[in-house]
Amino acid sequence: MKKLVFSAIVAATLMAACSKDDELSKKCDSCTSDLGNKFEICDNGNGTYDVSENGDPVETITKGELEGFTPKQVVELACEYDSELEF
């Protein structure tokens, strides 16, 4: 009986240890321009970032392509630039 209980505990532990609950959540920064366009950049956790505009994927860039800016600064600049295009 002890072997059966021990086996059940080991099996339960292994199943819990292998769960997919440990997935990384993306850290995203976003802003909305005065024109109502939403810009977002999400850190993939592997040195790349997904960039989107109004919910549509634009491209994936690398950390080097940020050219020293933080992701938050990148989206803020996008919103600022978009707002300046208003006529």
PDB file of N, CA and C in Angstrom:
ATOM      1  N   MET A   1       0.813  -1.185   0.000  1.00  0.00           N
ATOM      2  CA  MET A   1       0.000   0.000   0.000  1.00  0.00           C
ATOM      3  C   MET A   1       0.868   1.266   0.000  1.00  0.00           C
ATOM      4  N   LYS A   2       1.984   1.229   0.763  1.00  0.00           N
ATOM      5  CA  LYS A   2       2.872   2.381   0.816  1.00  0.00           C
ATOM      6  C   LYS A   2       3.450   2.686  -0.566  1.00  0.00           C
ATOM      7  N   LYS A   3       3.779   1.632  -1.333  1.00  0.00           N
ATOM      8  CA  LYS A   3       4.336   1.826  -2.672  1.00  0.00           C
ATOM      9  C   LYS A   3       3.316   2.488  -3.589  1.00  0.00           C
ATOM     10  N   LEU A   4       2.065   2.135  -3.455  1.00  0.00           N
ATOM     11  CA  LEU A   4       1.006   2.708  -4.284  1.00  0.00           C
ATOM     12  C   LEU A   4       0.826   4.197  -3.981  1.00  0.00           C
ATOM     13  N   VAL A   5       0.807   4.549  -2.697  1.00  0.00           N
ATOM     14  CA  VAL A   5       0.663   5.951  -2.300  1.00  0.00           C
ATOM     15  C   VAL A   5       1.878   6.748  -2.757  1.00  0.00           C
ATOM     16  N   PHE A   6       3.079   6.180  -2.548  1.00  0.00           N
ATOM     17  CA  PHE A   6       4.305   6.857  -2.968  1.00  0.00           C
ATOM     18  C   PHE A   6       4.308   7.069  -4.480  1.00  0.00           C
ATOM     19  N   SER A   7       3.912   6.059  -5.232  1.00  0.00           N
ATOM     20  CA  SER A   7       3.859   6.170  -6.689  1.00  0.00           C
ATOM     21  C   SER A   7       2.867   7.248  -7.130  1.00  0.00           C
ATOM     22  N   ALA A   8       1.742   7.338  -6.471  1.00  0.00           N
ATOM     23  CA  ALA A   8       0.736   8.351  -6.798  1.00  0.00           C
ATOM     24  C   ALA A   8       1.271   9.748  -6.515  1.00  0.00           C
ATOM     25  N   ILE A   9       1.984   9.913  -5.402  1.00  0.00           N
ATOM     26  CA  ILE A   9       2.554  11.226  -5.063  1.00  0.00           C
ATOM     27  C   ILE A   9       3.616  11.621  -6.076  1.00  0.00           C
ATOM     28  N   VAL A  10       4.484  10.695  -6.449  1.00  0.00           N
ATOM     29  CA  VAL A  10       5.530  10.981  -7.435  1.00  0.00           C
ATOM     30  C   VAL A  10       4.906  11.348  -8.776  1.00  0.00           C
ATOM     31  N   ALA A  11       3.893  10.594  -9.195  1.00  0.00           N
ATOM     32  CA  ALA A  11       3.226  10.874 -10.470  1.00  0.00           C
ATOM     33  C   ALA A  11       2.581  12.258 -10.454  1.00  0.00           C
ATOM     34  N   ALA A  12       1.924  12.612  -9.371  1.00  0.00           N
ATOM     35  CA  ALA A  12       1.281  13.926  -9.257  1.00  0.00           C
ATOM     36  C   ALA A  12       2.315  15.045  -9.288  1.00  0.00           C
ATOM     37  N   THR A  13       3.447  14.820  -8.629  1.00  0.00           N
ATOM     38  CA  THR A  13       4.509  15.824  -8.616  1.00  0.00           C
ATOM     39  C   THR A  13       5.090  16.025 -10.008  1.00  0.00           C
ATOM     40  N   LEU A  14       5.338  14.941 -10.714  1.00  0.00           N
ATOM     41  CA  LEU A  14       5.887  15.045 -12.067  1.00  0.00           C
ATOM     42  C   LEU A  14       4.910  15.735 -13.009  1.00  0.00           C
ATOM     43  N   MET A  15       3.639  15.449 -12.879  1.00  0.00           N
ATOM     44  CA  MET A  15       2.651  16.077 -13.746  1.00  0.00           C
ATOM     45  C   MET A  15       2.574  17.578 -13.476  1.00  0.00           C
ATOM     46  N   ALA A  16       2.663  17.967 -12.222  1.00  0.00           N
ATOM     47  CA  ALA A  16       2.599  19.386 -11.875  1.00  0.00           C
ATOM     48  C   ALA A  16       3.866  20.103 -12.326  1.00  0.00           C
ATOM     49  N   ALA A  17       4.998  19.450 -12.239  1.00  0.00           N
ATOM     50  CA  ALA A  17       6.262  20.064 -12.624  1.00  0.00           C
ATOM     51  C   ALA A  17       6.371  20.271 -14.123  1.00  0.00           C
ATOM     52  N   CYS A  18       5.627  19.513 -14.884  1.00  0.00           N
ATOM     53  CA  CYS A  18       5.713  19.602 -16.338  1.00  0.00           C
ATOM     54  C   CYS A  18       4.600  20.451 -16.947  1.00  0.00           C
ATOM     55  N   SER A  19       3.841  21.145 -16.119  1.00  0.00           N
ATOM     56  CA  SER A  19       2.720  21.918 -16.664  1.00  0.00           C
ATOM     57  C   SER A  19       3.207  23.126 -17.435  1.00  0.00           C
ATOM     58  N   LYS A  20       2.368  23.644 -18.303  1.00  0.00           N
ATOM     59  CA  LYS A  20       2.703  24.794 -19.132  1.00  0.00           C
ATOM     60  C   LYS A  20       2.308  26.111 -18.461  1.00  0.00           C
ATOM     61  N   ASP A  21       2.026  26.086 -17.164  1.00  0.00           N
ATOM     62  CA  ASP A  21       1.644  27.300 -16.456  1.00  0.00           C
ATOM     63  C   ASP A  21       2.814  28.258 -16.301  1.00  0.00           C
ATOM     64  N   ASP A  22       4.014  27.803 -16.616  1.00  0.00           N
ATOM     65  CA  ASP A  22       5.205  28.610 -16.413  1.00  0.00           C
ATOM     66  C   ASP A  22       5.542  29.466 -17.621  1.00  0.00           C
ATOM     67  N   GLU A  23       4.658  29.570 -18.613  1.00  0.00           N
ATOM     68  CA  GLU A  23       4.949  30.342 -19.813  1.00  0.00           C
ATOM     69  C   GLU A  23       5.226  31.796 -19.452  1.00  0.00           C
ATOM     70  N   LEU A  24       6.181  32.394 -20.165  1.00  0.00           N
ATOM     71  CA  LEU A  24       6.514  33.785 -19.941  1.00  0.00           C
ATOM     72  C   LEU A  24       5.415  34.680 -20.495  1.00  0.00           C
ATOM     73  N   SER A  25       5.098  35.705 -19.758  1.00  0.00           N
ATOM     74  CA  SER A  25       4.137  36.665 -20.283  1.00  0.00           C
ATOM     75  C   SER A  25       4.922  37.803 -20.923  1.00  0.00           C
ATOM     76  N   LYS A  26       4.415  38.288 -22.033  1.00  0.00           N
ATOM     77  CA  LYS A  26       5.094  39.362 -22.736  1.00  0.00           C
ATOM     78  C   LYS A  26       4.895  40.670 -21.994  1.00  0.00           C
ATOM     79  N   LYS A  27       5.951  41.451 -21.948  1.00  0.00           N
ATOM     80  CA  LYS A  27       5.843  42.791 -21.400  1.00  0.00           C
ATOM     81  C   LYS A  27       5.665  43.733 -22.574  1.00  0.00           C
ATOM     82  N   CYS A  28       4.572  44.455 -22.575  1.00  0.00           N
ATOM     83  CA  CYS A  28       4.256  45.338 -23.692  1.00  0.00           C
ATOM     84  C   CYS A  28       4.157  46.784 -23.223  1.00  0.00           C
ATOM     85  N   ASP A  29       4.548  47.685 -24.111  1.00  0.00           N
ATOM     86  CA  ASP A  29       4.359  49.113 -23.920  1.00  0.00           C
ATOM     87  C   ASP A  29       3.525  49.609 -25.087  1.00  0.00           C
ATOM     88  N   SER A  30       2.573  50.510 -24.804  1.00  0.00           N
ATOM     89  CA  SER A  30       1.727  51.015 -25.879  1.00  0.00           C
ATOM     90  C   SER A  30       1.317  52.452 -25.613  1.00  0.00           C
ATOM     91  N   CYS A  31       0.835  53.098 -26.653  1.00  0.00           N
ATOM     92  CA  CYS A  31       0.293  54.447 -26.540  1.00  0.00           C
ATOM     93  C   CYS A  31      -0.693  54.656 -27.684  1.00  0.00           C
ATOM     94  N   THR A  32      -1.515  55.675 -27.543  1.00  0.00           N
ATOM     95  CA  THR A  32      -2.464  56.043 -28.594  1.00  0.00           C
ATOM     96  C   THR A  32      -2.187  57.480 -28.977  1.00  0.00           C
ATOM     97  N   SER A  33      -1.992  57.714 -30.264  1.00  0.00           N
ATOM     98  CA  SER A  33      -1.688  59.062 -30.743  1.00  0.00           C
ATOM     99  C   SER A  33      -2.929  59.939 -30.713  1.00  0.00           C
ATOM    100  N   ASP A  34      -2.741  61.229 -30.922  1.00  0.00           N
ATOM    101  CA  ASP A  34      -3.864  62.171 -30.981  1.00  0.00           C
ATOM    102  C   ASP A  34      -4.805  61.837 -32.139  1.00  0.00           C
ATOM    103  N   LEU A  35      -4.307  61.125 -33.136  1.00  0.00           N
ATOM    104  CA  LEU A  35      -5.134  60.722 -34.277  1.00  0.00           C
ATOM    105  C   LEU A  35      -5.914  59.440 -33.996  1.00  0.00           C
ATOM    106  N   GLY A  36      -5.681  58.836 -32.811  1.00  0.00           N
ATOM    107  CA  GLY A  36      -6.396  57.621 -32.426  1.00  0.00           C
ATOM    108  C   GLY A  36      -5.719  56.337 -32.841  1.00  0.00           C
ATOM    109  N   ASN A  37      -4.500  56.414 -33.349  1.00  0.00           N
ATOM    110  CA  ASN A  37      -3.765  55.204 -33.735  1.00  0.00           C
ATOM    111  C   ASN A  37      -3.024  54.651 -32.528  1.00  0.00           C
ATOM    112  N   LYS A  38      -3.154  53.335 -32.309  1.00  0.00           N
ATOM    113  CA  LYS A  38      -2.499  52.676 -31.184  1.00  0.00           C
ATOM    114  C   LYS A  38      -1.221  51.998 -31.660  1.00  0.00           C
ATOM    115  N   PHE A  39      -0.131  52.298 -30.979  1.00  0.00           N
ATOM    116  CA  PHE A  39       1.163  51.688 -31.264  1.00  0.00           C
ATOM    117  C   PHE A  39       1.554  50.834 -30.067  1.00  0.00           C
ATOM    118  N   GLU A  40       2.111  49.638 -30.341  1.00  0.00           N
ATOM    119  CA  GLU A  40       2.481  48.719 -29.262  1.00  0.00           C
ATOM    120  C   GLU A  40       3.769  47.998 -29.626  1.00  0.00           C
ATOM    121  N   ILE A  41       4.609  47.786 -28.616  1.00  0.00           N
ATOM    122  CA  ILE A  41       5.831  46.997 -28.777  1.00  0.00           C
ATOM    123  C   ILE A  41       5.892  46.034 -27.601  1.00  0.00           C
ATOM    124  N   CYS A  42       6.120  44.744 -27.911  1.00  0.00           N
ATOM    125  CA  CYS A  42       6.131  43.698 -26.882  1.00  0.00           C
ATOM    126  C   CYS A  42       7.468  42.973 -26.884  1.00  0.00           C
ATOM    127  N   ASP A  43       8.037  42.833 -25.707  1.00  0.00           N
ATOM    128  CA  ASP A  43       9.296  42.121 -25.522  1.00  0.00           C
ATOM    129  C   ASP A  43       9.026  40.623 -25.542  1.00  0.00           C
ATOM    130  N   ASN A  44       9.659  39.908 -26.482  1.00  0.00           N
ATOM    131  CA  ASN A  44       9.491  38.461 -26.591  1.00  0.00           C
ATOM    132  C   ASN A  44      10.369  37.696 -25.604  1.00  0.00           C
ATOM    133  N   GLY A  45      11.246  38.405 -24.890  1.00  0.00           N
ATOM    134  CA  GLY A  45      12.098  37.764 -23.894  1.00  0.00           C
ATOM    135  C   GLY A  45      13.316  37.077 -24.476  1.00  0.00           C
ATOM    136  N   ASN A  46      13.540  37.236 -25.777  1.00  0.00           N
ATOM    137  CA  ASN A  46      14.689  36.593 -26.416  1.00  0.00           C
ATOM    138  C   ASN A  46      15.515  37.588 -27.230  1.00  0.00           C
ATOM    139  N   GLY A  47      15.409  38.868 -26.891  1.00  0.00           N
ATOM    140  CA  GLY A  47      16.153  39.901 -27.614  1.00  0.00           C
ATOM    141  C   GLY A  47      15.422  40.432 -28.837  1.00  0.00           C
ATOM    142  N   THR A  48      14.159  40.018 -29.033  1.00  0.00           N
ATOM    143  CA  THR A  48      13.363  40.543 -30.140  1.00  0.00           C
ATOM    144  C   THR A  48      12.084  41.169 -29.595  1.00  0.00           C
ATOM    145  N   TYR A  49      11.519  42.042 -30.392  1.00  0.00           N
ATOM    146  CA  TYR A  49      10.305  42.768 -30.015  1.00  0.00           C
ATOM    147  C   TYR A  49       9.316  42.722 -31.163  1.00  0.00           C
ATOM    148  N   ASP A  50       8.034  42.479 -30.850  1.00  0.00           N
ATOM    149  CA  ASP A  50       6.972  42.526 -31.846  1.00  0.00           C
ATOM    150  C   ASP A  50       6.368  43.921 -31.824  1.00  0.00           C
ATOM    151  N   VAL A  51       6.295  44.538 -32.993  1.00  0.00           N
ATOM    152  CA  VAL A  51       5.755  45.881 -33.130  1.00  0.00           C
ATOM    153  C   VAL A  51       4.421  45.789 -33.850  1.00  0.00           C
ATOM    154  N   SER A  52       3.408  46.504 -33.332  1.00  0.00           N
ATOM    155  CA  SER A  52       2.106  46.500 -34.000  1.00  0.00           C
ATOM    156  C   SER A  52       1.512  47.900 -34.003  1.00  0.00           C
ATOM    157  N   GLU A  53       0.634  48.114 -34.971  1.00  0.00           N
ATOM    158  CA  GLU A  53      -0.082  49.376 -35.093  1.00  0.00           C
ATOM    159  C   GLU A  53      -1.558  49.061 -35.241  1.00  0.00           C
ATOM    160  N   ASN A  54      -2.373  49.619 -34.375  1.00  0.00           N
ATOM    161  CA  ASN A  54      -3.815  49.372 -34.368  1.00  0.00           C
ATOM    162  C   ASN A  54      -4.146  47.883 -34.326  1.00  0.00           C
ATOM    163  N   GLY A  55      -3.338  47.117 -33.596  1.00  0.00           N
ATOM    164  CA  GLY A  55      -3.580  45.690 -33.430  1.00  0.00           C
ATOM    165  C   GLY A  55      -3.040  44.823 -34.557  1.00  0.00           C
ATOM    166  N   ASP A  56      -2.561  45.439 -35.620  1.00  0.00           N
ATOM    167  CA  ASP A  56      -2.001  44.684 -36.745  1.00  0.00           C
ATOM    168  C   ASP A  56      -0.491  44.576 -36.598  1.00  0.00           C
ATOM    169  N   PRO A  57       0.067  43.363 -36.703  1.00  0.00           N
ATOM    170  CA  PRO A  57       1.523  43.211 -36.609  1.00  0.00           C
ATOM    171  C   PRO A  57       2.214  43.975 -37.731  1.00  0.00           C
ATOM    172  N   VAL A  58       3.261  44.700 -37.369  1.00  0.00           N
ATOM    173  CA  VAL A  58       4.028  45.454 -38.354  1.00  0.00           C
ATOM    174  C   VAL A  58       5.318  44.717 -38.669  1.00  0.00           C
ATOM    175  N   GLU A  59       6.086  44.388 -37.624  1.00  0.00           N
ATOM    176  CA  GLU A  59       7.345  43.677 -37.818  1.00  0.00           C
ATOM    177  C   GLU A  59       7.896  43.204 -36.482  1.00  0.00           C
ATOM    178  N   THR A  60       8.919  42.381 -36.546  1.00  0.00           N
ATOM    179  CA  THR A  60       9.679  41.963 -35.376  1.00  0.00           C
ATOM    180  C   THR A  60      11.062  42.577 -35.512  1.00  0.00           C
ATOM    181  N   ILE A  61      11.501  43.261 -34.469  1.00  0.00           N
ATOM    182  CA  ILE A  61      12.807  43.906 -34.497  1.00  0.00           C
ATOM    183  C   ILE A  61      13.681  43.343 -33.386  1.00  0.00           C
ATOM    184  N   THR A  62      14.985  43.588 -33.497  1.00  0.00           N
ATOM    185  CA  THR A  62      15.928  43.135 -32.481  1.00  0.00           C
ATOM    186  C   THR A  62      16.237  44.284 -31.522  1.00  0.00           C
ATOM    187  N   LYS A  63      16.855  43.949 -30.416  1.00  0.00           N
ATOM    188  CA  LYS A  63      17.227  44.963 -29.430  1.00  0.00           C
ATOM    189  C   LYS A  63      18.162  45.998 -30.057  1.00  0.00           C
ATOM    190  N   GLY A  64      19.047  45.557 -30.933  1.00  0.00           N
ATOM    191  CA  GLY A  64      19.971  46.477 -31.604  1.00  0.00           C
ATOM    192  C   GLY A  64      19.258  47.498 -32.468  1.00  0.00           C
ATOM    193  N   GLU A  65      18.115  47.116 -33.016  1.00  0.00           N
ATOM    194  CA  GLU A  65      17.355  48.033 -33.862  1.00  0.00           C
ATOM    195  C   GLU A  65      16.637  49.117 -33.064  1.00  0.00           C
ATOM    196  N   LEU A  66      16.600  48.975 -31.738  1.00  0.00           N
ATOM    197  CA  LEU A  66      16.025  50.031 -30.893  1.00  0.00           C
ATOM    198  C   LEU A  66      16.961  51.233 -30.817  1.00  0.00           C
ATOM    199  N   GLU A  67      18.212  51.048 -31.234  1.00  0.00           N
ATOM    200  CA  GLU A  67      19.225  52.098 -31.300  1.00  0.00           C
ATOM    201  C   GLU A  67      19.369  52.875 -29.992  1.00  0.00           C
ATOM    202  N   GLY A  68      19.375  52.145 -28.876  1.00  0.00           N
ATOM    203  CA  GLY A  68      19.598  52.762 -27.575  1.00  0.00           C
ATOM    204  C   GLY A  68      18.338  53.267 -26.889  1.00  0.00           C
ATOM    205  N   PHE A  69      17.210  53.252 -27.587  1.00  0.00           N
ATOM    206  CA  PHE A  69      15.950  53.674 -26.976  1.00  0.00           C
ATOM    207  C   PHE A  69      15.334  52.509 -26.219  1.00  0.00           C
ATOM    208  N   THR A  70      14.538  52.822 -25.211  1.00  0.00           N
ATOM    209  CA  THR A  70      13.770  51.781 -24.527  1.00  0.00           C
ATOM    210  C   THR A  70      12.520  51.504 -25.358  1.00  0.00           C
ATOM    211  N   PRO A  71      11.900  50.333 -25.195  1.00  0.00           N
ATOM    212  CA  PRO A  71      10.655  50.069 -25.928  1.00  0.00           C
ATOM    213  C   PRO A  71       9.590  51.138 -25.662  1.00  0.00           C
ATOM    214  N   LYS A  72       9.502  51.606 -24.424  1.00  0.00           N
ATOM    215  CA  LYS A  72       8.520  52.647 -24.095  1.00  0.00           C
ATOM    216  C   LYS A  72       8.805  53.925 -24.874  1.00  0.00           C
ATOM    217  N   GLN A  73      10.076  54.299 -24.995  1.00  0.00           N
ATOM    218  CA  GLN A  73      10.438  55.492 -25.750  1.00  0.00           C
ATOM    219  C   GLN A  73      10.091  55.328 -27.232  1.00  0.00           C
ATOM    220  N   VAL A  74      10.244  54.118 -27.752  1.00  0.00           N
ATOM    221  CA  VAL A  74       9.947  53.867 -29.160  1.00  0.00           C
ATOM    222  C   VAL A  74       8.470  54.110 -29.449  1.00  0.00           C
ATOM    223  N   VAL A  75       7.576  53.564 -28.618  1.00  0.00           N
ATOM    224  CA  VAL A  75       6.146  53.771 -28.887  1.00  0.00           C
ATOM    225  C   VAL A  75       5.743  55.218 -28.638  1.00  0.00           C
ATOM    226  N   GLU A  76       6.333  55.862 -27.643  1.00  0.00           N
ATOM    227  CA  GLU A  76       6.017  57.266 -27.402  1.00  0.00           C
ATOM    228  C   GLU A  76       6.442  58.132 -28.577  1.00  0.00           C
ATOM    229  N   LEU A  77       7.596  57.825 -29.158  1.00  0.00           N
ATOM    230  CA  LEU A  77       8.047  58.562 -30.347  1.00  0.00           C
ATOM    231  C   LEU A  77       7.126  58.305 -31.535  1.00  0.00           C
ATOM    232  N   ALA A  78       6.653  57.069 -31.664  1.00  0.00           N
ATOM    233  CA  ALA A  78       5.724  56.744 -32.755  1.00  0.00           C
ATOM    234  C   ALA A  78       4.434  57.547 -32.601  1.00  0.00           C
ATOM    235  N   CYS A  79       3.916  57.645 -31.391  1.00  0.00           N
ATOM    236  CA  CYS A  79       2.680  58.411 -31.153  1.00  0.00           C
ATOM    237  C   CYS A  79       2.912  59.895 -31.399  1.00  0.00           C
ATOM    238  N   GLU A  80       4.051  60.388 -30.956  1.00  0.00           N
ATOM    239  CA  GLU A  80       4.367  61.800 -31.156  1.00  0.00           C
ATOM    240  C   GLU A  80       4.505  62.122 -32.646  1.00  0.00           C
ATOM    241  N   TYR A  81       5.213  61.274 -33.364  1.00  0.00           N
ATOM    242  CA  TYR A  81       5.415  61.487 -34.796  1.00  0.00           C
ATOM    243  C   TYR A  81       4.076  61.401 -35.535  1.00  0.00           C
ATOM    244  N   ASP A  82       3.227  60.424 -35.170  1.00  0.00           N
ATOM    245  CA  ASP A  82       1.933  60.260 -35.816  1.00  0.00           C
ATOM    246  C   ASP A  82       1.057  61.492 -35.592  1.00  0.00           C
ATOM    247  N   SER A  83       1.112  62.044 -34.384  1.00  0.00           N
ATOM    248  CA  SER A  83       0.312  63.225 -34.062  1.00  0.00           C
ATOM    249  C   SER A  83       0.772  64.447 -34.835  1.00  0.00           C
ATOM    250  N   GLU A  84       2.070  64.520 -35.122  1.00  0.00           N
ATOM    251  CA  GLU A  84       2.611  65.668 -35.872  1.00  0.00           C
ATOM    252  C   GLU A  84       2.196  65.624 -37.336  1.00  0.00           C
ATOM    253  N   LEU A  85       1.747  64.467 -37.810  1.00  0.00           N
ATOM    254  CA  LEU A  85       1.320  64.351 -39.202  1.00  0.00           C
ATOM    255  C   LEU A  85      -0.072  64.909 -39.422  1.00  0.00           C
ATOM    256  N   GLU A  86      -0.774  65.256 -38.330  1.00  0.00           N
ATOM    257  CA  GLU A  86      -2.140  65.779 -38.441  1.00  0.00           C
ATOM    258  C   GLU A  86      -2.104  67.139 -39.128  1.00  0.00           C
ATOM    259  N   PHE A  87      -3.015  67.330 -40.047  1.00  0.00           N
ATOM    260  CA  PHE A  87      -3.075  68.600 -40.789  1.00  0.00           C
ATOM    261  C   PHE A  87      -4.246  69.427 -40.331  1.00  0.00           C
TER     262      PHE A  87
END
